[in-house]
Amino acid sequence: MKASEQVLDRAWTAIRDLESQSDGEPVEAAQVELLELYVRHRPDHALARYLLGKALRELGRHEESVVELRASSELDAEDDDEHDDTILVHLALSLNEAGRWDEAEQAYAEACEVPDNAELGYIWSLRAANLMQLERWDEAAKYLIQAQRLPECDQDEAGLLLGKVYIAQQRYDQAKVCLQKVRDRDPEDSEAATLLESLEWVRRNASLIDELRRQSVS
């Protein structure tokens, strides 16, 4: 049965009210209840499908989130001939959390191509974290270095990720430089401290490691 336009308009007002209250409030379940019904009647509503996809992601329903965010992105592109980077980033995050890292990389790549992107540093950091899941270390390092040159980048997060990339590549001196910068900015960063301790252990035991390596190849 088709809902009346008046009822749908009232539902949309309620949805927008929930969205304005959502800062720090667990309203995603209520949003999903309303939005799932709303988009059934208005499937071409790009913003509604974006909000539904975002709420589903917050609830951990990542595969359903991907469906809604893909639909929103396609509808948005039909309206103005280009994709909204916000939708693409949420799509990439959902794909990443669903373990679909190659598809997430495609979504991040599209988001990075959106003209006049004000959050490019943030997106490059997210893209690098996804590339790390694919063990594409050189690309991840490239995007993190680029991200750190931009003002909107979270320098500590990017530095921590870059340190992890260098550790994975056994580039320990470069990793130490990155992680020490994070500690200098935030002495309370426990993750950077733990990683620096592990690098110090490697340094102290370098002769043992070298000896084991020589015996392994002889």
C-alpha atoms as a PDB file:
ATOM      1  CA  MET A   1       0.000   0.000   0.000  1.00  0.00           C
ATOM      2  CA  LYS A   2       1.330   3.405  -1.004  1.00  0.00           C
ATOM      3  CA  ALA A   3       1.776   5.841   1.875  1.00  0.00           C
ATOM      4  CA  SER A   4       0.226   9.271   1.409  1.00  0.00           C
ATOM      5  CA  GLU A   5       2.485  12.200   0.575  1.00  0.00           C
ATOM      6  CA  GLN A   6       1.405  13.864   3.798  1.00  0.00           C
ATOM      7  CA  VAL A   7       2.506  10.881   5.899  1.00  0.00           C
ATOM      8  CA  LEU A   8       5.803  10.672   4.008  1.00  0.00           C
ATOM      9  CA  ASP A   9       6.439  14.375   4.551  1.00  0.00           C
ATOM     10  CA  ARG A  10       5.780  13.945   8.281  1.00  0.00           C
ATOM     11  CA  ALA A  11       8.152  10.975   8.332  1.00  0.00           C
ATOM     12  CA  TRP A  12      10.857  13.023   6.613  1.00  0.00           C
ATOM     13  CA  THR A  13      10.451  15.802   9.203  1.00  0.00           C
ATOM     14  CA  ALA A  14      10.875  13.210  11.962  1.00  0.00           C
ATOM     15  CA  ILE A  15      13.951  11.781  10.228  1.00  0.00           C
ATOM     16  CA  ARG A  16      15.566  15.219   9.969  1.00  0.00           C
ATOM     17  CA  ASP A  17      14.736  15.924  13.617  1.00  0.00           C
ATOM     18  CA  LEU A  18      16.500  12.696  14.596  1.00  0.00           C
ATOM     19  CA  GLU A  19      19.490  13.647  12.460  1.00  0.00           C
ATOM     20  CA  SER A  20      19.810  17.009  14.218  1.00  0.00           C
ATOM     21  CA  GLN A  21      19.744  15.233  17.600  1.00  0.00           C
ATOM     22  CA  SER A  22      22.174  12.483  16.638  1.00  0.00           C
ATOM     23  CA  ASP A  23      25.347  14.096  18.022  1.00  0.00           C
ATOM     24  CA  GLY A  24      26.410  11.684  20.724  1.00  0.00           C
ATOM     25  CA  GLU A  25      22.977  10.122  20.981  1.00  0.00           C
ATOM     26  CA  PRO A  26      22.215   6.467  20.111  1.00  0.00           C
ATOM     27  CA  VAL A  27      19.464   7.271  17.604  1.00  0.00           C
ATOM     28  CA  GLU A  28      20.606   4.990  14.742  1.00  0.00           C
ATOM     29  CA  ALA A  29      18.038   2.271  15.508  1.00  0.00           C
ATOM     30  CA  ALA A  30      15.209   4.825  15.345  1.00  0.00           C
ATOM     31  CA  GLN A  31      16.651   6.286  12.144  1.00  0.00           C
ATOM     32  CA  VAL A  32      16.809   2.865  10.515  1.00  0.00           C
ATOM     33  CA  GLU A  33      13.227   2.034  11.485  1.00  0.00           C
ATOM     34  CA  LEU A  34      11.929   5.204   9.848  1.00  0.00           C
ATOM     35  CA  LEU A  35      14.299   5.323   6.883  1.00  0.00           C
ATOM     36  CA  GLU A  36      13.812   1.711   5.787  1.00  0.00           C
ATOM     37  CA  LEU A  37      10.091   2.403   5.442  1.00  0.00           C
ATOM     38  CA  TYR A  38      10.634   5.831   3.919  1.00  0.00           C
ATOM     39  CA  VAL A  39      12.960   4.688   1.107  1.00  0.00           C
ATOM     40  CA  ARG A  40      10.555   1.863   0.278  1.00  0.00           C
ATOM     41  CA  HIS A  41       8.147   4.580  -0.835  1.00  0.00           C
ATOM     42  CA  ARG A  42      10.734   7.066  -2.091  1.00  0.00           C
ATOM     43  CA  PRO A  43      13.604   4.919  -3.449  1.00  0.00           C
ATOM     44  CA  ASP A  44      15.028   7.796  -5.523  1.00  0.00           C
ATOM     45  CA  HIS A  45      15.647  10.017  -2.501  1.00  0.00           C
ATOM     46  CA  ALA A  46      19.468  10.231  -2.467  1.00  0.00           C
ATOM     47  CA  LEU A  47      19.770  11.909   0.936  1.00  0.00           C
ATOM     48  CA  ALA A  48      17.416   9.433   2.623  1.00  0.00           C
ATOM     49  CA  ARG A  49      19.402   6.504   1.285  1.00  0.00           C
ATOM     50  CA  TYR A  50      22.654   8.134   2.413  1.00  0.00           C
ATOM     51  CA  LEU A  51      21.273   8.636   5.935  1.00  0.00           C
ATOM     52  CA  LEU A  52      20.012   5.049   5.996  1.00  0.00           C
ATOM     53  CA  GLY A  53      23.380   3.718   4.840  1.00  0.00           C
ATOM     54  CA  LYS A  54      25.209   5.784   7.453  1.00  0.00           C
ATOM     55  CA  ALA A  55      22.880   4.613  10.259  1.00  0.00           C
ATOM     56  CA  LEU A  56      23.168   0.959   9.167  1.00  0.00           C
ATOM     57  CA  ARG A  57      26.952   1.282   9.271  1.00  0.00           C
ATOM     58  CA  GLU A  58      26.808   2.618  12.830  1.00  0.00           C
ATOM     59  CA  LEU A  59      24.763  -0.447  13.779  1.00  0.00           C
ATOM     60  CA  GLY A  60      27.348  -2.765  12.211  1.00  0.00           C
ATOM     61  CA  ARG A  61      25.069  -3.822   9.340  1.00  0.00           C
ATOM     62  CA  HIS A  62      27.794  -3.184   6.783  1.00  0.00           C
ATOM     63  CA  GLU A  63      26.547  -5.173   3.782  1.00  0.00           C
ATOM     64  CA  GLU A  64      23.141  -3.438   3.931  1.00  0.00           C
ATOM     65  CA  SER A  65      24.924  -0.137   4.415  1.00  0.00           C
ATOM     66  CA  VAL A  66      26.915  -0.722   1.217  1.00  0.00           C
ATOM     67  CA  VAL A  67      23.709  -1.260  -0.783  1.00  0.00           C
ATOM     68  CA  GLU A  68      22.162   1.997   0.431  1.00  0.00           C
ATOM     69  CA  LEU A  69      25.304   4.090   0.059  1.00  0.00           C
ATOM     70  CA  ARG A  70      25.940   2.791  -3.469  1.00  0.00           C
ATOM     71  CA  ALA A  71      22.374   3.700  -4.401  1.00  0.00           C
ATOM     72  CA  SER A  72      22.762   7.147  -2.826  1.00  0.00           C
ATOM     73  CA  SER A  73      26.014   7.793  -4.676  1.00  0.00           C
ATOM     74  CA  GLU A  74      24.495   6.791  -8.017  1.00  0.00           C
ATOM     75  CA  LEU A  75      21.412   8.955  -7.451  1.00  0.00           C
ATOM     76  CA  ASP A  76      23.571  11.883  -6.350  1.00  0.00           C
ATOM     77  CA  ALA A  77      25.713  11.605  -9.497  1.00  0.00           C
ATOM     78  CA  GLU A  78      22.584  11.580 -11.658  1.00  0.00           C
ATOM     79  CA  ASP A  79      21.521  14.870 -10.071  1.00  0.00           C
ATOM     80  CA  ASP A  80      24.738  16.848 -10.614  1.00  0.00           C
ATOM     81  CA  ASP A  81      27.004  14.672 -12.801  1.00  0.00           C
ATOM     82  CA  GLU A  82      29.572  14.122 -10.041  1.00  0.00           C
ATOM     83  CA  HIS A  83      29.799  12.112  -6.850  1.00  0.00           C
ATOM     84  CA  ASP A  84      29.631  13.564  -3.347  1.00  0.00           C
ATOM     85  CA  ASP A  85      32.889  12.694  -1.579  1.00  0.00           C
ATOM     86  CA  THR A  86      31.053  12.347   1.779  1.00  0.00           C
ATOM     87  CA  ILE A  87      28.879   9.553   0.411  1.00  0.00           C
ATOM     88  CA  LEU A  88      31.887   7.860  -1.182  1.00  0.00           C
ATOM     89  CA  VAL A  89      33.877   7.993   2.066  1.00  0.00           C
ATOM     90  CA  HIS A  90      31.047   6.397   4.046  1.00  0.00           C
ATOM     91  CA  LEU A  91      30.709   3.777   1.298  1.00  0.00           C
ATOM     92  CA  ALA A  92      34.453   3.075   1.496  1.00  0.00           C
ATOM     93  CA  LEU A  93      34.283   2.798   5.290  1.00  0.00           C
ATOM     94  CA  SER A  94      31.420   0.304   5.068  1.00  0.00           C
ATOM     95  CA  LEU A  95      33.259  -1.736   2.450  1.00  0.00           C
ATOM     96  CA  ASN A  96      36.397  -1.687   4.601  1.00  0.00           C
ATOM     97  CA  GLU A  97      34.486  -2.832   7.677  1.00  0.00           C
ATOM     98  CA  ALA A  98      32.876  -5.587   5.608  1.00  0.00           C
ATOM     99  CA  GLY A  99      36.372  -6.793   4.610  1.00  0.00           C
ATOM    100  CA  ARG A 100      35.876  -5.765   0.974  1.00  0.00           C
ATOM    101  CA  TRP A 101      39.154  -3.850   0.796  1.00  0.00           C
ATOM    102  CA  ASP A 102      39.634  -3.793  -2.984  1.00  0.00           C
ATOM    103  CA  GLU A 103      36.199  -2.261  -3.452  1.00  0.00           C
ATOM    104  CA  ALA A 104      36.885   0.183  -0.625  1.00  0.00           C
ATOM    105  CA  GLU A 105      40.043   1.305  -2.436  1.00  0.00           C
ATOM    106  CA  GLN A 106      37.967   2.021  -5.541  1.00  0.00           C
ATOM    107  CA  ALA A 107      35.550   4.159  -3.514  1.00  0.00           C
ATOM    108  CA  TYR A 108      38.412   6.043  -1.828  1.00  0.00           C
ATOM    109  CA  ALA A 109      40.043   6.631  -5.230  1.00  0.00           C
ATOM    110  CA  GLU A 110      36.787   8.160  -6.520  1.00  0.00           C
ATOM    111  CA  ALA A 111      36.462  10.340  -3.409  1.00  0.00           C
ATOM    112  CA  CYS A 112      39.993  11.645  -3.927  1.00  0.00           C
ATOM    113  CA  GLU A 113      39.086  12.716  -7.483  1.00  0.00           C
ATOM    114  CA  VAL A 114      36.170  14.949  -6.382  1.00  0.00           C
ATOM    115  CA  PRO A 115      37.113  18.554  -7.278  1.00  0.00           C
ATOM    116  CA  ASP A 116      37.829  21.058  -4.472  1.00  0.00           C
ATOM    117  CA  ASN A 117      37.812  18.346  -1.840  1.00  0.00           C
ATOM    118  CA  ALA A 118      38.241  20.078   1.524  1.00  0.00           C
ATOM    119  CA  GLU A 119      38.970  16.855   3.407  1.00  0.00           C
ATOM    120  CA  LEU A 120      41.588  15.310   1.161  1.00  0.00           C
ATOM    121  CA  GLY A 121      44.120  14.820   3.966  1.00  0.00           C
ATOM    122  CA  TYR A 122      41.554  12.956   6.050  1.00  0.00           C
ATOM    123  CA  ILE A 123      40.531  10.784   3.080  1.00  0.00           C
ATOM    124  CA  TRP A 124      44.138   9.970   2.164  1.00  0.00           C
ATOM    125  CA  SER A 125      44.715   8.731   5.731  1.00  0.00           C
ATOM    126  CA  LEU A 126      41.625   6.511   5.574  1.00  0.00           C
ATOM    127  CA  ARG A 127      42.666   5.265   2.149  1.00  0.00           C
ATOM    128  CA  ALA A 128      46.128   4.401   3.453  1.00  0.00           C
ATOM    129  CA  ALA A 129      44.667   2.452   6.374  1.00  0.00           C
ATOM    130  CA  ASN A 130      42.608   0.435   3.901  1.00  0.00           C
ATOM    131  CA  LEU A 131      45.650  -0.169   1.667  1.00  0.00           C
ATOM    132  CA  MET A 132      47.460  -1.513   4.733  1.00  0.00           C
ATOM    133  CA  GLN A 133      44.806  -4.236   4.929  1.00  0.00           C
ATOM    134  CA  LEU A 134      45.800  -5.152   1.363  1.00  0.00           C
ATOM    135  CA  GLU A 135      49.514  -5.054   2.311  1.00  0.00           C
ATOM    136  CA  ARG A 136      50.093  -2.396  -0.335  1.00  0.00           C
ATOM    137  CA  TRP A 137      52.692  -0.727   1.852  1.00  0.00           C
ATOM    138  CA  ASP A 138      54.354   1.629  -0.634  1.00  0.00           C
ATOM    139  CA  GLU A 139      51.042   3.131  -1.717  1.00  0.00           C
ATOM    140  CA  ALA A 140      49.909   3.484   1.885  1.00  0.00           C
ATOM    141  CA  ALA A 141      53.129   5.324   2.757  1.00  0.00           C
ATOM    142  CA  LYS A 142      52.735   7.636  -0.247  1.00  0.00           C
ATOM    143  CA  TYR A 143      49.222   8.709   0.752  1.00  0.00           C
ATOM    144  CA  LEU A 144      50.163   9.187   4.405  1.00  0.00           C
ATOM    145  CA  ILE A 145      53.112  11.405   3.459  1.00  0.00           C
ATOM    146  CA  GLN A 146      50.828  13.414   1.159  1.00  0.00           C
ATOM    147  CA  ALA A 147      48.172  13.647   3.869  1.00  0.00           C
ATOM    148  CA  GLN A 148      50.635  15.064   6.393  1.00  0.00           C
ATOM    149  CA  ARG A 149      51.271  18.038   4.094  1.00  0.00           C
ATOM    150  CA  LEU A 150      47.634  19.142   4.343  1.00  0.00           C
ATOM    151  CA  PRO A 151      46.173  21.195   7.222  1.00  0.00           C
ATOM    152  CA  GLU A 152      43.041  19.072   7.695  1.00  0.00           C
ATOM    153  CA  CYS A 153      45.082  15.920   8.338  1.00  0.00           C
ATOM    154  CA  ASP A 154      45.173  14.394  11.830  1.00  0.00           C
ATOM    155  CA  GLN A 155      48.953  14.448  12.138  1.00  0.00           C
ATOM    156  CA  ASP A 156      49.110  12.003  15.040  1.00  0.00           C
ATOM    157  CA  GLU A 157      46.890   9.432  13.343  1.00  0.00           C
ATOM    158  CA  ALA A 158      48.784   9.718  10.048  1.00  0.00           C
ATOM    159  CA  GLY A 159      52.134   9.534  11.848  1.00  0.00           C
ATOM    160  CA  LEU A 160      51.080   6.456  13.783  1.00  0.00           C
ATOM    161  CA  LEU A 161      49.889   4.724  10.609  1.00  0.00           C
ATOM    162  CA  LEU A 162      53.060   5.653   8.745  1.00  0.00           C
ATOM    163  CA  GLY A 163      55.126   4.248  11.601  1.00  0.00           C
ATOM    164  CA  LYS A 164      53.205   0.975  11.334  1.00  0.00           C
ATOM    165  CA  VAL A 165      53.778   0.875   7.561  1.00  0.00           C
ATOM    166  CA  TYR A 166      57.518   1.314   8.042  1.00  0.00           C
ATOM    167  CA  ILE A 167      57.570  -1.384  10.740  1.00  0.00           C
ATOM    168  CA  ALA A 168      55.812  -3.781   8.359  1.00  0.00           C
ATOM    169  CA  GLN A 169      58.492  -2.974   5.769  1.00  0.00           C
ATOM    170  CA  GLN A 170      61.264  -3.409   8.369  1.00  0.00           C
ATOM    171  CA  ARG A 171      62.278   0.216   7.889  1.00  0.00           C
ATOM    172  CA  TYR A 172      62.789   0.637  11.592  1.00  0.00           C
ATOM    173  CA  ASP A 173      64.773   3.897  11.644  1.00  0.00           C
ATOM    174  CA  GLN A 174      62.066   5.677   9.642  1.00  0.00           C
ATOM    175  CA  ALA A 175      59.384   4.141  11.833  1.00  0.00           C
ATOM    176  CA  LYS A 176      61.125   5.452  14.949  1.00  0.00           C
ATOM    177  CA  VAL A 177      61.250   8.999  13.540  1.00  0.00           C
ATOM    178  CA  CYS A 178      57.501   8.960  12.775  1.00  0.00           C
ATOM    179  CA  LEU A 179      56.491   7.493  16.113  1.00  0.00           C
ATOM    180  CA  GLN A 180      58.760   9.774  18.112  1.00  0.00           C
ATOM    181  CA  LYS A 181      57.092  12.797  16.492  1.00  0.00           C
ATOM    182  CA  VAL A 182      53.723  11.430  17.631  1.00  0.00           C
ATOM    183  CA  ARG A 183      55.060  11.020  21.198  1.00  0.00           C
ATOM    184  CA  ASP A 184      56.557  14.515  21.136  1.00  0.00           C
ATOM    185  CA  ARG A 185      53.158  15.963  20.248  1.00  0.00           C
ATOM    186  CA  ASP A 186      51.270  13.693  22.630  1.00  0.00           C
ATOM    187  CA  PRO A 187      53.328  12.115  25.437  1.00  0.00           C
ATOM    188  CA  GLU A 188      50.218  10.189  26.540  1.00  0.00           C
ATOM    189  CA  ASP A 189      49.871   8.277  23.266  1.00  0.00           C
ATOM    190  CA  SER A 190      50.189   4.717  24.583  1.00  0.00           C
ATOM    191  CA  GLU A 191      50.121   3.025  21.154  1.00  0.00           C
ATOM    192  CA  ALA A 192      53.074   5.062  19.898  1.00  0.00           C
ATOM    193  CA  ALA A 193      54.897   4.324  23.164  1.00  0.00           C
ATOM    194  CA  THR A 194      54.330   0.570  22.789  1.00  0.00           C
ATOM    195  CA  LEU A 195      55.572   0.590  19.207  1.00  0.00           C
ATOM    196  CA  LEU A 196      58.657   2.584  20.180  1.00  0.00           C
ATOM    197  CA  GLU A 197      59.390   0.043  22.917  1.00  0.00           C
ATOM    198  CA  SER A 198      59.187  -2.774  20.357  1.00  0.00           C
ATOM    199  CA  LEU A 199      61.629  -0.911  18.100  1.00  0.00           C
ATOM    200  CA  GLU A 200      63.997  -0.459  21.031  1.00  0.00           C
ATOM    201  CA  TRP A 201      63.833  -4.220  21.664  1.00  0.00           C
ATOM    202  CA  VAL A 202      64.781  -4.849  18.016  1.00  0.00           C
ATOM    203  CA  ARG A 203      67.712  -2.430  18.357  1.00  0.00           C
ATOM    204  CA  ARG A 204      68.976  -4.068  21.548  1.00  0.00           C
ATOM    205  CA  ASN A 205      68.740  -7.531  20.038  1.00  0.00           C
ATOM    206  CA  ALA A 206      70.066  -6.666  16.577  1.00  0.00           C
ATOM    207  CA  SER A 207      73.130  -8.935  16.929  1.00  0.00           C
ATOM    208  CA  LEU A 208      70.986 -11.927  17.910  1.00  0.00           C
ATOM    209  CA  ILE A 209      68.619 -11.267  15.004  1.00  0.00           C
ATOM    210  CA  ASP A 210      71.548 -10.987  12.567  1.00  0.00           C
ATOM    211  CA  GLU A 211      73.063 -14.234  13.859  1.00  0.00           C
ATOM    212  CA  LEU A 212      69.768 -16.086  13.444  1.00  0.00           C
ATOM    213  CA  ARG A 213      69.383 -14.631   9.952  1.00  0.00           C
ATOM    214  CA  ARG A 214      72.881 -15.814   8.926  1.00  0.00           C
ATOM    215  CA  GLN A 215      72.234 -19.316  10.252  1.00  0.00           C
ATOM    216  CA  SER A 216      68.881 -19.446   8.483  1.00  0.00           C
ATOM    217  CA  VAL A 217      70.481 -18.950   5.057  1.00  0.00           C
ATOM    218  CA  SER A 218      73.613 -21.054   5.573  1.00  0.00           C
END
